[in-house]
Amino acid sequence: MYYVGVDLGATNIRTVVSDETATILGRAQDETPHGPTGKTVTETVLRVVREACDHVGVRPTDIDGAGIASMGTMDPTARVITVPANVSTEIGSIPLVDPLSETLDTDNVHLRNDTVAGVIGERFYTYPRAENLVYITISSGIGVGIIADGDVISGRDGNAGEMGHMTIDVHGFMECGCGQDGHWEAYCSGNNIPQFVRALHQENPVETALPIDSLEFSAKHLFERSGTDAFADHVIDRLAHFNTVGVANIVHAYDPAAISIGGAVALNNPEHVVEPIKSRLDEAVLVEPPEINLSEQGSQVVLKGALTLAITNGTEIQPPA
């Protein structure tokens, strides 16, 4: 039996084909188009799925099921992405389930938020006995997947976990990509760290070697200057503060036993993202702090969650002990 997992992000579309044990047999990926329409994204997803099937030597109609993990908010009735996060809102909705179901000739196609897929991947492949587990991605954006008392928290429309849009700065120093002020994502996501750096420097224009005025300036440049640039160290400390506030709020809301942190920003800079949270959280929470780790599944966790949705026919069942 063959299954497809799709990870639709704001930057890349990644697809894998696996067997019934979630062993990956082939993969393909491409950049996520930001227009001109949502159907352009759909067509790219279908093409990348076909390429992954070609790598394995199977036809799309040989696939027994698929799981799609996507950024953005979704309409579970229409089975589309309605607001593609960190992609142009002008492209409209992105049809996913029905076109992929038609391509694969199967009704076993399931759509979830990428962080919901991430926490499913963590439970099945890292924490098989976890009843209370959180997965946080700190990447282009910030999102959270939650398992509480053994159940995956999806919310009314499958959009639970949009905690990157939780207000962590009531003074609203930074505007989020969604247009609101003071959100966690506005400060600590990969897309917004450069703007936060520039705003802090404008407020206090100290000497720094950071290429702030360059169009190529990114979070990577900031973390690379750690320990050699006083201003960079100041910004990294502020990021650690806001990340800790965000995680503390999650702990107080859900009381998880474990938190797994992934996403490109965290995976590439664990000493500046994960370790400060671990060292500061005790003083930030009133309850017993959870175990906090960098995701063992790394960049594959969302794809593994998507595959699990396909293999279990969307039931999100508790993995075997």
C-alpha atoms as a PDB file:
ATOM      1  CA  MET A   1       0.000   0.000   0.000  1.00  0.00           C
ATOM      2  CA  TYR A   2       1.148   3.540  -0.768  1.00  0.00           C
ATOM      3  CA  TYR A   3       0.361   6.835   0.908  1.00  0.00           C
ATOM      4  CA  VAL A   4       1.071  10.475   0.109  1.00  0.00           C
ATOM      5  CA  GLY A   5       1.934  13.230   2.562  1.00  0.00           C
ATOM      6  CA  VAL A   6       1.855  16.896   1.532  1.00  0.00           C
ATOM      7  CA  ASP A   7       3.333  19.808   3.477  1.00  0.00           C
ATOM      8  CA  LEU A   8       2.096  23.069   1.963  1.00  0.00           C
ATOM      9  CA  GLY A   9       4.067  25.938   3.435  1.00  0.00           C
ATOM     10  CA  ALA A  10       4.402  29.585   2.552  1.00  0.00           C
ATOM     11  CA  THR A  11       7.847  28.950   1.092  1.00  0.00           C
ATOM     12  CA  ASN A  12       7.851  25.363  -0.189  1.00  0.00           C
ATOM     13  CA  ILE A  13       5.557  22.511  -1.139  1.00  0.00           C
ATOM     14  CA  ARG A  14       6.994  19.173  -0.019  1.00  0.00           C
ATOM     15  CA  THR A  15       5.513  15.806  -0.889  1.00  0.00           C
ATOM     16  CA  VAL A  16       6.463  12.256   0.070  1.00  0.00           C
ATOM     17  CA  VAL A  17       5.234   8.779  -0.806  1.00  0.00           C
ATOM     18  CA  SER A  18       5.441   6.089   1.881  1.00  0.00           C
ATOM     19  CA  ASP A  19       4.363   2.547   2.628  1.00  0.00           C
ATOM     20  CA  GLU A  20       1.933   1.609   5.419  1.00  0.00           C
ATOM     21  CA  THR A  21       4.688   1.973   8.055  1.00  0.00           C
ATOM     22  CA  ALA A  22       5.316   5.610   7.032  1.00  0.00           C
ATOM     23  CA  THR A  23       8.721   4.645   5.621  1.00  0.00           C
ATOM     24  CA  ILE A  24       9.389   7.288   2.990  1.00  0.00           C
ATOM     25  CA  LEU A  25      10.017   5.792  -0.435  1.00  0.00           C
ATOM     26  CA  GLY A  26      10.236   8.932  -2.547  1.00  0.00           C
ATOM     27  CA  ARG A  27       9.854  12.673  -2.363  1.00  0.00           C
ATOM     28  CA  ALA A  28       9.565  15.839  -4.432  1.00  0.00           C
ATOM     29  CA  GLN A  29       9.286  19.541  -3.712  1.00  0.00           C
ATOM     30  CA  ASP A  30       8.993  22.968  -5.302  1.00  0.00           C
ATOM     31  CA  GLU A  31       8.602  26.571  -4.256  1.00  0.00           C
ATOM     32  CA  THR A  32       5.107  27.694  -3.288  1.00  0.00           C
ATOM     33  CA  PRO A  33       3.768  30.085  -5.925  1.00  0.00           C
ATOM     34  CA  HIS A  34       2.319  33.299  -4.508  1.00  0.00           C
ATOM     35  CA  GLY A  35      -0.158  33.805  -7.320  1.00  0.00           C
ATOM     36  CA  PRO A  36      -1.782  34.753  -9.461  1.00  0.00           C
ATOM     37  CA  THR A  37      -4.599  32.575  -8.065  1.00  0.00           C
ATOM     38  CA  GLY A  38      -5.167  29.861  -5.485  1.00  0.00           C
ATOM     39  CA  LYS A  39      -5.621  27.364  -8.290  1.00  0.00           C
ATOM     40  CA  THR A  40      -2.008  28.035  -9.269  1.00  0.00           C
ATOM     41  CA  VAL A  41      -0.988  26.670  -5.867  1.00  0.00           C
ATOM     42  CA  THR A  42      -3.330  23.710  -6.321  1.00  0.00           C
ATOM     43  CA  GLU A  43      -1.806  22.864  -9.699  1.00  0.00           C
ATOM     44  CA  THR A  44       1.690  23.007  -8.226  1.00  0.00           C
ATOM     45  CA  VAL A  45       0.690  20.674  -5.382  1.00  0.00           C
ATOM     46  CA  LEU A  46      -0.726  18.161  -7.862  1.00  0.00           C
ATOM     47  CA  ARG A  47       2.387  18.343 -10.030  1.00  0.00           C
ATOM     48  CA  VAL A  48       4.705  17.782  -7.062  1.00  0.00           C
ATOM     49  CA  VAL A  49       2.567  14.811  -5.945  1.00  0.00           C
ATOM     50  CA  ARG A  50       2.882  13.287  -9.415  1.00  0.00           C
ATOM     51  CA  GLU A  51       6.655  13.817  -9.340  1.00  0.00           C
ATOM     52  CA  ALA A  52       6.931  12.022  -5.984  1.00  0.00           C
ATOM     53  CA  CYS A  53       4.903   9.130  -7.390  1.00  0.00           C
ATOM     54  CA  ASP A  54       7.195   9.008 -10.434  1.00  0.00           C
ATOM     55  CA  HIS A  55      10.219   8.720  -8.142  1.00  0.00           C
ATOM     56  CA  VAL A  56       8.695   5.637  -6.540  1.00  0.00           C
ATOM     57  CA  GLY A  57       7.538   4.206  -9.834  1.00  0.00           C
ATOM     58  CA  VAL A  58       3.836   4.182  -8.993  1.00  0.00           C
ATOM     59  CA  ARG A  59       0.867   5.814 -10.644  1.00  0.00           C
ATOM     60  CA  PRO A  60      -1.129   8.427  -8.694  1.00  0.00           C
ATOM     61  CA  THR A  61      -4.115   6.081  -8.857  1.00  0.00           C
ATOM     62  CA  ASP A  62      -2.040   3.440  -7.018  1.00  0.00           C
ATOM     63  CA  ILE A  63      -2.036   5.662  -3.919  1.00  0.00           C
ATOM     64  CA  ASP A  64      -4.338   4.456  -1.121  1.00  0.00           C
ATOM     65  CA  GLY A  65      -4.667   7.742   0.740  1.00  0.00           C
ATOM     66  CA  ALA A  66      -3.216  11.187   1.344  1.00  0.00           C
ATOM     67  CA  GLY A  67      -2.800  13.668   4.145  1.00  0.00           C
ATOM     68  CA  ILE A  68      -2.344  17.388   3.508  1.00  0.00           C
ATOM     69  CA  ALA A  69      -0.779  19.645   6.129  1.00  0.00           C
ATOM     70  CA  SER A  70      -1.168  23.295   5.217  1.00  0.00           C
ATOM     71  CA  MET A  71      -0.420  26.758   6.473  1.00  0.00           C
ATOM     72  CA  GLY A  72      -3.314  29.192   6.700  1.00  0.00           C
ATOM     73  CA  THR A  73      -6.884  28.991   7.899  1.00  0.00           C
ATOM     74  CA  MET A  74      -9.272  26.503   6.372  1.00  0.00           C
ATOM     75  CA  ASP A  75     -12.909  25.875   5.569  1.00  0.00           C
ATOM     76  CA  PRO A  76     -13.516  22.226   6.523  1.00  0.00           C
ATOM     77  CA  THR A  77     -16.836  22.091   4.654  1.00  0.00           C
ATOM     78  CA  ALA A  78     -15.447  23.342   1.344  1.00  0.00           C
ATOM     79  CA  ARG A  79     -12.142  21.597   2.152  1.00  0.00           C
ATOM     80  CA  VAL A  80     -10.040  24.539   1.017  1.00  0.00           C
ATOM     81  CA  ILE A  81      -7.511  26.955   2.484  1.00  0.00           C
ATOM     82  CA  THR A  82      -9.317  30.275   2.824  1.00  0.00           C
ATOM     83  CA  VAL A  83      -6.561  32.583   4.099  1.00  0.00           C
ATOM     84  CA  PRO A  84      -3.084  31.441   3.022  1.00  0.00           C
ATOM     85  CA  ALA A  85      -0.806  32.642   5.828  1.00  0.00           C
ATOM     86  CA  ASN A  86       2.292  34.572   4.743  1.00  0.00           C
ATOM     87  CA  VAL A  87       1.163  34.321   1.111  1.00  0.00           C
ATOM     88  CA  SER A  88      -0.631  37.072  -0.804  1.00  0.00           C
ATOM     89  CA  THR A  89      -4.254  37.267   0.351  1.00  0.00           C
ATOM     90  CA  GLU A  90      -5.186  38.396  -3.159  1.00  0.00           C
ATOM     91  CA  ILE A  91      -4.856  34.869  -4.569  1.00  0.00           C
ATOM     92  CA  GLY A  92      -8.081  33.773  -2.886  1.00  0.00           C
ATOM     93  CA  SER A  93      -8.842  30.305  -1.557  1.00  0.00           C
ATOM     94  CA  ILE A  94      -6.764  27.235  -2.400  1.00  0.00           C
ATOM     95  CA  PRO A  95      -8.736  24.076  -3.288  1.00  0.00           C
ATOM     96  CA  LEU A  96      -6.866  21.023  -2.022  1.00  0.00           C
ATOM     97  CA  VAL A  97      -8.877  17.979  -0.948  1.00  0.00           C
ATOM     98  CA  ASP A  98     -11.181  17.541  -3.926  1.00  0.00           C
ATOM     99  CA  PRO A  99      -8.520  18.049  -6.636  1.00  0.00           C
ATOM    100  CA  LEU A 100      -6.107  15.655  -4.918  1.00  0.00           C
ATOM    101  CA  SER A 101      -8.872  13.119  -4.307  1.00  0.00           C
ATOM    102  CA  GLU A 102      -9.691  13.214  -8.011  1.00  0.00           C
ATOM    103  CA  THR A 103      -6.042  12.890  -9.029  1.00  0.00           C
ATOM    104  CA  LEU A 104      -5.469   9.890  -6.744  1.00  0.00           C
ATOM    105  CA  ASP A 105      -8.935   8.427  -7.285  1.00  0.00           C
ATOM    106  CA  THR A 106      -9.542   7.956  -3.556  1.00  0.00           C
ATOM    107  CA  ASP A 107     -11.770   9.531  -0.906  1.00  0.00           C
ATOM    108  CA  ASN A 108      -9.108   8.905   1.735  1.00  0.00           C
ATOM    109  CA  VAL A 109      -7.713  12.453   1.551  1.00  0.00           C
ATOM    110  CA  HIS A 110      -7.530  14.569   4.715  1.00  0.00           C
ATOM    111  CA  LEU A 111      -6.641  18.229   5.312  1.00  0.00           C
ATOM    112  CA  ARG A 112      -5.290  19.613   8.582  1.00  0.00           C
ATOM    113  CA  ASN A 113      -3.444  22.700   9.737  1.00  0.00           C
ATOM    114  CA  ASP A 114       0.306  22.095   9.510  1.00  0.00           C
ATOM    115  CA  THR A 115       0.876  22.378  13.256  1.00  0.00           C
ATOM    116  CA  VAL A 116      -1.988  19.969  13.968  1.00  0.00           C
ATOM    117  CA  ALA A 117      -0.246  17.546  11.615  1.00  0.00           C
ATOM    118  CA  GLY A 118       2.989  18.324  13.449  1.00  0.00           C
ATOM    119  CA  VAL A 119       1.644  17.343  16.857  1.00  0.00           C
ATOM    120  CA  ILE A 120       0.171  14.150  15.357  1.00  0.00           C
ATOM    121  CA  GLY A 121       3.613  13.354  13.948  1.00  0.00           C
ATOM    122  CA  GLU A 122       5.224  13.999  17.326  1.00  0.00           C
ATOM    123  CA  ARG A 123       2.769  11.733  19.145  1.00  0.00           C
ATOM    124  CA  PHE A 124       3.139   8.838  16.732  1.00  0.00           C
ATOM    125  CA  TYR A 125       6.910   8.946  16.307  1.00  0.00           C
ATOM    126  CA  THR A 126       8.393  10.611  19.414  1.00  0.00           C
ATOM    127  CA  TYR A 127       5.879  10.590  22.296  1.00  0.00           C
ATOM    128  CA  PRO A 128       3.640   7.534  21.729  1.00  0.00           C
ATOM    129  CA  ARG A 129       2.265   7.570  25.269  1.00  0.00           C
ATOM    130  CA  ALA A 130       1.692  11.326  25.503  1.00  0.00           C
ATOM    131  CA  GLU A 131      -1.800  12.377  26.568  1.00  0.00           C
ATOM    132  CA  ASN A 132      -0.926  16.081  26.835  1.00  0.00           C
ATOM    133  CA  LEU A 133       1.498  17.280  24.199  1.00  0.00           C
ATOM    134  CA  VAL A 134       2.203  20.509  22.312  1.00  0.00           C
ATOM    135  CA  TYR A 135       4.099  21.057  19.082  1.00  0.00           C
ATOM    136  CA  ILE A 136       5.277  24.597  18.312  1.00  0.00           C
ATOM    137  CA  THR A 137       6.681  25.660  14.973  1.00  0.00           C
ATOM    138  CA  ILE A 138       8.791  28.807  14.851  1.00  0.00           C
ATOM    139  CA  SER A 139       9.427  29.309  11.174  1.00  0.00           C
ATOM    140  CA  SER A 140       8.144  31.775   8.548  1.00  0.00           C
ATOM    141  CA  GLY A 141       5.232  32.088  10.950  1.00  0.00           C
ATOM    142  CA  ILE A 142       4.422  30.661  14.381  1.00  0.00           C
ATOM    143  CA  GLY A 143       1.792  28.011  15.051  1.00  0.00           C
ATOM    144  CA  VAL A 144       0.867  25.444  17.674  1.00  0.00           C
ATOM    145  CA  GLY A 145      -0.589  21.931  17.614  1.00  0.00           C
ATOM    146  CA  ILE A 146      -2.196  20.628  20.800  1.00  0.00           C
ATOM    147  CA  ILE A 147      -3.146  17.244  22.197  1.00  0.00           C
ATOM    148  CA  ALA A 148      -5.102  17.554  25.450  1.00  0.00           C
ATOM    149  CA  ASP A 149      -6.223  14.512  27.462  1.00  0.00           C
ATOM    150  CA  GLY A 150      -5.421  12.313  24.475  1.00  0.00           C
ATOM    151  CA  ASP A 151      -7.461  14.273  21.938  1.00  0.00           C
ATOM    152  CA  VAL A 152      -6.188  16.424  19.091  1.00  0.00           C
ATOM    153  CA  ILE A 153      -7.563  19.938  19.516  1.00  0.00           C
ATOM    154  CA  SER A 154      -8.842  21.090  16.130  1.00  0.00           C
ATOM    155  CA  GLY A 155     -11.430  23.725  17.009  1.00  0.00           C
ATOM    156  CA  ARG A 156     -14.752  24.508  15.324  1.00  0.00           C
ATOM    157  CA  ASP A 157     -13.301  24.917  11.826  1.00  0.00           C
ATOM    158  CA  GLY A 158      -9.972  23.149  12.246  1.00  0.00           C
ATOM    159  CA  ASN A 159      -8.200  26.408  12.973  1.00  0.00           C
ATOM    160  CA  ALA A 160      -7.204  25.917  16.622  1.00  0.00           C
ATOM    161  CA  GLY A 161      -3.576  26.607  17.416  1.00  0.00           C
ATOM    162  CA  GLU A 162      -3.146  29.964  15.659  1.00  0.00           C
ATOM    163  CA  MET A 163      -1.164  31.140  18.658  1.00  0.00           C
ATOM    164  CA  GLY A 164       1.285  33.077  16.563  1.00  0.00           C
ATOM    165  CA  HIS A 165      -1.546  35.612  16.627  1.00  0.00           C
ATOM    166  CA  MET A 166      -1.696  35.658  20.398  1.00  0.00           C
ATOM    167  CA  THR A 167      -0.978  39.124  21.803  1.00  0.00           C
ATOM    168  CA  ILE A 168       2.253  39.088  23.783  1.00  0.00           C
ATOM    169  CA  ASP A 169       2.917  42.847  23.724  1.00  0.00           C
ATOM    170  CA  VAL A 170      -0.088  44.926  24.755  1.00  0.00           C
ATOM    171  CA  HIS A 171       1.728  48.087  23.683  1.00  0.00           C
ATOM    172  CA  GLY A 172       1.733  46.823  20.105  1.00  0.00           C
ATOM    173  CA  PHE A 173       5.273  47.855  19.206  1.00  0.00           C
ATOM    174  CA  MET A 174       5.217  45.623  16.094  1.00  0.00           C
ATOM    175  CA  GLU A 175       2.467  45.028  13.546  1.00  0.00           C
ATOM    176  CA  CYS A 176       1.818  41.432  12.540  1.00  0.00           C
ATOM    177  CA  GLY A 177       1.404  40.345   8.922  1.00  0.00           C
ATOM    178  CA  CYS A 178      -2.302  39.866   9.685  1.00  0.00           C
ATOM    179  CA  GLY A 179      -2.599  43.605  10.366  1.00  0.00           C
ATOM    180  CA  GLN A 180      -2.958  43.433  14.154  1.00  0.00           C
ATOM    181  CA  ASP A 181      -0.442  44.740  16.677  1.00  0.00           C
ATOM    182  CA  GLY A 182       1.601  42.956  19.320  1.00  0.00           C
ATOM    183  CA  HIS A 183       1.274  39.367  18.091  1.00  0.00           C
ATOM    184  CA  TRP A 184       3.947  36.765  18.901  1.00  0.00           C
ATOM    185  CA  GLU A 185       4.552  36.170  15.207  1.00  0.00           C
ATOM    186  CA  ALA A 186       5.220  39.880  14.656  1.00  0.00           C
ATOM    187  CA  TYR A 187       8.370  39.629  16.782  1.00  0.00           C
ATOM    188  CA  CYS A 188       9.748  36.100  16.606  1.00  0.00           C
ATOM    189  CA  SER A 189       8.860  34.548  13.237  1.00  0.00           C
ATOM    190  CA  GLY A 190      11.429  34.244  10.492  1.00  0.00           C
ATOM    191  CA  ASN A 191       9.498  36.601   8.243  1.00  0.00           C
ATOM    192  CA  ASN A 192       9.227  39.341  10.870  1.00  0.00           C
ATOM    193  CA  ILE A 193      12.509  39.201  12.786  1.00  0.00           C
ATOM    194  CA  PRO A 194      14.224  41.563  10.279  1.00  0.00           C
ATOM    195  CA  GLN A 195      11.476  44.178  10.773  1.00  0.00           C
ATOM    196  CA  PHE A 196      11.779  43.846  14.551  1.00  0.00           C
ATOM    197  CA  VAL A 197      15.542  44.346  14.322  1.00  0.00           C
ATOM    198  CA  ARG A 198      15.099  47.468  12.198  1.00  0.00           C
ATOM    199  CA  ALA A 199      12.440  48.882  14.528  1.00  0.00           C
ATOM    200  CA  LEU A 200      14.657  48.403  17.589  1.00  0.00           C
ATOM    201  CA  HIS A 201      17.616  49.967  15.811  1.00  0.00           C
ATOM    202  CA  GLN A 202      15.570  52.944  14.689  1.00  0.00           C
ATOM    203  CA  GLU A 203      14.514  53.457  18.286  1.00  0.00           C
ATOM    204  CA  ASN A 204      18.134  53.225  19.478  1.00  0.00           C
ATOM    205  CA  PRO A 205      20.564  53.563  16.526  1.00  0.00           C
ATOM    206  CA  VAL A 206      23.660  52.059  18.152  1.00  0.00           C
ATOM    207  CA  GLU A 207      26.643  50.796  16.198  1.00  0.00           C
ATOM    208  CA  THR A 208      26.151  47.332  14.743  1.00  0.00           C
ATOM    209  CA  ALA A 209      27.668  45.126  12.073  1.00  0.00           C
ATOM    210  CA  LEU A 210      24.257  43.755  11.102  1.00  0.00           C
ATOM    211  CA  PRO A 211      23.384  44.566   7.453  1.00  0.00           C
ATOM    212  CA  ILE A 212      20.130  46.160   8.529  1.00  0.00           C
ATOM    213  CA  ASP A 213      19.689  48.292   5.399  1.00  0.00           C
ATOM    214  CA  SER A 214      20.228  45.387   3.007  1.00  0.00           C
ATOM    215  CA  LEU A 215      17.206  43.904   1.273  1.00  0.00           C
ATOM    216  CA  GLU A 216      18.844  40.507   1.892  1.00  0.00           C
ATOM    217  CA  PHE A 217      18.958  40.981   5.672  1.00  0.00           C
ATOM    218  CA  SER A 218      17.377  37.973   7.391  1.00  0.00           C
ATOM    219  CA  ALA A 219      17.076  36.214  10.730  1.00  0.00           C
ATOM    220  CA  LYS A 220      20.094  34.128   9.747  1.00  0.00           C
ATOM    221  CA  HIS A 221      22.330  37.225   9.770  1.00  0.00           C
ATOM    222  CA  LEU A 222      21.093  38.124  13.249  1.00  0.00           C
ATOM    223  CA  PHE A 223      21.869  34.751  14.810  1.00  0.00           C
ATOM    224  CA  GLU A 224      25.234  34.538  13.060  1.00  0.00           C
ATOM    225  CA  ARG A 225      26.326  37.714  14.909  1.00  0.00           C
ATOM    226  CA  SER A 226      25.580  36.263  18.325  1.00  0.00           C
ATOM    227  CA  GLY A 227      28.471  36.860  20.710  1.00  0.00           C
ATOM    228  CA  THR A 228      30.244  39.288  18.378  1.00  0.00           C
ATOM    229  CA  ASP A 229      27.742  42.147  18.155  1.00  0.00           C
ATOM    230  CA  ALA A 230      26.219  43.762  21.243  1.00  0.00           C
ATOM    231  CA  PHE A 231      23.112  44.940  19.413  1.00  0.00           C
ATOM    232  CA  ALA A 232      22.518  41.490  17.916  1.00  0.00           C
ATOM    233  CA  ASP A 233      22.806  39.979  21.396  1.00  0.00           C
ATOM    234  CA  HIS A 234      20.277  42.525  22.684  1.00  0.00           C
ATOM    235  CA  VAL A 235      17.775  41.594  19.972  1.00  0.00           C
ATOM    236  CA  ILE A 236      18.271  37.856  20.553  1.00  0.00           C
ATOM    237  CA  ASP A 237      17.578  38.442  24.252  1.00  0.00           C
ATOM    238  CA  ARG A 238      14.339  40.262  23.379  1.00  0.00           C
ATOM    239  CA  LEU A 239      13.308  37.380  21.103  1.00  0.00           C
ATOM    240  CA  ALA A 240      13.984  34.950  23.932  1.00  0.00           C
ATOM    241  CA  HIS A 241      11.770  37.026  26.202  1.00  0.00           C
ATOM    242  CA  PHE A 242       8.835  37.049  23.796  1.00  0.00           C
ATOM    243  CA  ASN A 243       9.244  33.350  22.976  1.00  0.00           C
ATOM    244  CA  THR A 244       9.151  32.556  26.686  1.00  0.00           C
ATOM    245  CA  VAL A 245       6.015  34.669  27.151  1.00  0.00           C
ATOM    246  CA  GLY A 246       4.343  32.784  24.296  1.00  0.00           C
ATOM    247  CA  VAL A 247       5.305  29.362  25.641  1.00  0.00           C
ATOM    248  CA  ALA A 248       4.313  30.307  29.200  1.00  0.00           C
ATOM    249  CA  ASN A 249       0.848  31.251  27.952  1.00  0.00           C
ATOM    250  CA  ILE A 250       0.538  27.860  26.243  1.00  0.00           C
ATOM    251  CA  VAL A 251       1.629  26.067  29.421  1.00  0.00           C
ATOM    252  CA  HIS A 252      -0.926  27.939  31.521  1.00  0.00           C
ATOM    253  CA  ALA A 253      -3.670  27.211  28.974  1.00  0.00           C
ATOM    254  CA  TYR A 254      -3.046  23.491  28.360  1.00  0.00           C
ATOM    255  CA  ASP A 255      -0.691  22.171  31.066  1.00  0.00           C
ATOM    256  CA  PRO A 256       1.192  19.857  28.664  1.00  0.00           C
ATOM    257  CA  ALA A 257       3.616  17.205  29.848  1.00  0.00           C
ATOM    258  CA  ALA A 258       5.918  17.893  26.911  1.00  0.00           C
ATOM    259  CA  ILE A 259       6.489  20.584  24.308  1.00  0.00           C
ATOM    260  CA  SER A 260       8.341  19.865  21.086  1.00  0.00           C
ATOM    261  CA  ILE A 261       9.644  22.848  19.151  1.00  0.00           C
ATOM    262  CA  GLY A 262      10.353  22.758  15.424  1.00  0.00           C
ATOM    263  CA  GLY A 263      10.315  25.064  12.428  1.00  0.00           C
ATOM    264  CA  ALA A 264      13.304  26.456  10.552  1.00  0.00           C
ATOM    265  CA  VAL A 265      14.108  29.279  12.978  1.00  0.00           C
ATOM    266  CA  ALA A 266      14.208  26.898  15.958  1.00  0.00           C
ATOM    267  CA  LEU A 267      15.841  23.966  14.159  1.00  0.00           C
ATOM    268  CA  ASN A 268      18.638  26.137  12.774  1.00  0.00           C
ATOM    269  CA  ASN A 269      19.222  28.107  15.983  1.00  0.00           C
ATOM    270  CA  PRO A 270      18.296  25.898  18.968  1.00  0.00           C
ATOM    271  CA  GLU A 271      20.830  27.536  21.273  1.00  0.00           C
ATOM    272  CA  HIS A 272      19.152  30.931  20.718  1.00  0.00           C
ATOM    273  CA  VAL A 273      15.535  29.792  20.538  1.00  0.00           C
ATOM    274  CA  VAL A 274      14.902  26.577  22.489  1.00  0.00           C
ATOM    275  CA  GLU A 275      17.567  26.766  25.198  1.00  0.00           C
ATOM    276  CA  PRO A 276      16.548  30.255  26.454  1.00  0.00           C
ATOM    277  CA  ILE A 277      12.937  29.100  26.750  1.00  0.00           C
ATOM    278  CA  LYS A 278      14.036  26.073  28.783  1.00  0.00           C
ATOM    279  CA  SER A 279      16.180  28.182  31.110  1.00  0.00           C
ATOM    280  CA  ARG A 280      13.588  30.939  31.655  1.00  0.00           C
ATOM    281  CA  LEU A 281      10.312  29.021  31.778  1.00  0.00           C
ATOM    282  CA  ASP A 282      10.504  27.938  35.421  1.00  0.00           C
ATOM    283  CA  GLU A 283      10.241  31.563  36.532  1.00  0.00           C
ATOM    284  CA  ALA A 284       7.501  32.359  34.008  1.00  0.00           C
ATOM    285  CA  VAL A 285       4.906  29.726  34.939  1.00  0.00           C
ATOM    286  CA  LEU A 286       2.933  28.895  38.066  1.00  0.00           C
ATOM    287  CA  VAL A 287       2.420  25.220  37.240  1.00  0.00           C
ATOM    288  CA  GLU A 288       4.901  22.394  36.822  1.00  0.00           C
ATOM    289  CA  PRO A 289       6.914  23.239  33.694  1.00  0.00           C
ATOM    290  CA  PRO A 290       6.773  20.654  30.904  1.00  0.00           C
ATOM    291  CA  GLU A 291       9.630  18.816  29.274  1.00  0.00           C
ATOM    292  CA  ILE A 292      10.810  20.994  26.381  1.00  0.00           C
ATOM    293  CA  ASN A 293      12.824  19.639  23.465  1.00  0.00           C
ATOM    294  CA  LEU A 294      13.855  20.465  19.952  1.00  0.00           C
ATOM    295  CA  SER A 295      11.784  18.233  17.679  1.00  0.00           C
ATOM    296  CA  GLU A 296      13.500  14.881  17.139  1.00  0.00           C
ATOM    297  CA  GLN A 297      11.644  14.562  13.844  1.00  0.00           C
ATOM    298  CA  GLY A 298      13.071  17.860  12.622  1.00  0.00           C
ATOM    299  CA  SER A 299      11.752  19.165   9.345  1.00  0.00           C
ATOM    300  CA  GLN A 300       9.956  15.857   8.663  1.00  0.00           C
ATOM    301  CA  VAL A 301       7.469  16.021  11.530  1.00  0.00           C
ATOM    302  CA  VAL A 302       4.681  17.729   9.589  1.00  0.00           C
ATOM    303  CA  LEU A 303       5.039  15.316   6.675  1.00  0.00           C
ATOM    304  CA  LYS A 304       4.968  12.382   9.097  1.00  0.00           C
ATOM    305  CA  GLY A 305       1.787  13.733  10.625  1.00  0.00           C
ATOM    306  CA  ALA A 306       0.258  14.099   7.170  1.00  0.00           C
ATOM    307  CA  LEU A 307       1.200  10.506   6.353  1.00  0.00           C
ATOM    308  CA  THR A 308      -0.351   9.347   9.618  1.00  0.00           C
ATOM    309  CA  LEU A 309      -3.635  11.008   8.634  1.00  0.00           C
ATOM    310  CA  ALA A 310      -3.592   9.030   5.390  1.00  0.00           C
ATOM    311  CA  ILE A 311      -2.568   5.727   6.969  1.00  0.00           C
ATOM    312  CA  THR A 312      -5.223   5.981   9.715  1.00  0.00           C
ATOM    313  CA  ASN A 313      -7.870   7.318   7.309  1.00  0.00           C
ATOM    314  CA  GLY A 314      -8.078  10.559   9.254  1.00  0.00           C
ATOM    315  CA  THR A 315      -8.947   8.989  12.591  1.00  0.00           C
ATOM    316  CA  GLU A 316      -5.878  10.391  14.421  1.00  0.00           C
ATOM    317  CA  ILE A 317      -5.974   7.289  16.605  1.00  0.00           C
ATOM    318  CA  GLN A 318      -3.746   6.829  19.625  1.00  0.00           C
ATOM    319  CA  PRO A 319      -0.568   5.060  18.512  1.00  0.00           C
ATOM    320  CA  PRO A 320       0.116   1.612  19.923  1.00  0.00           C
ATOM    321  CA  ALA A 321       1.910   1.505  23.286  1.00  0.00           C
END
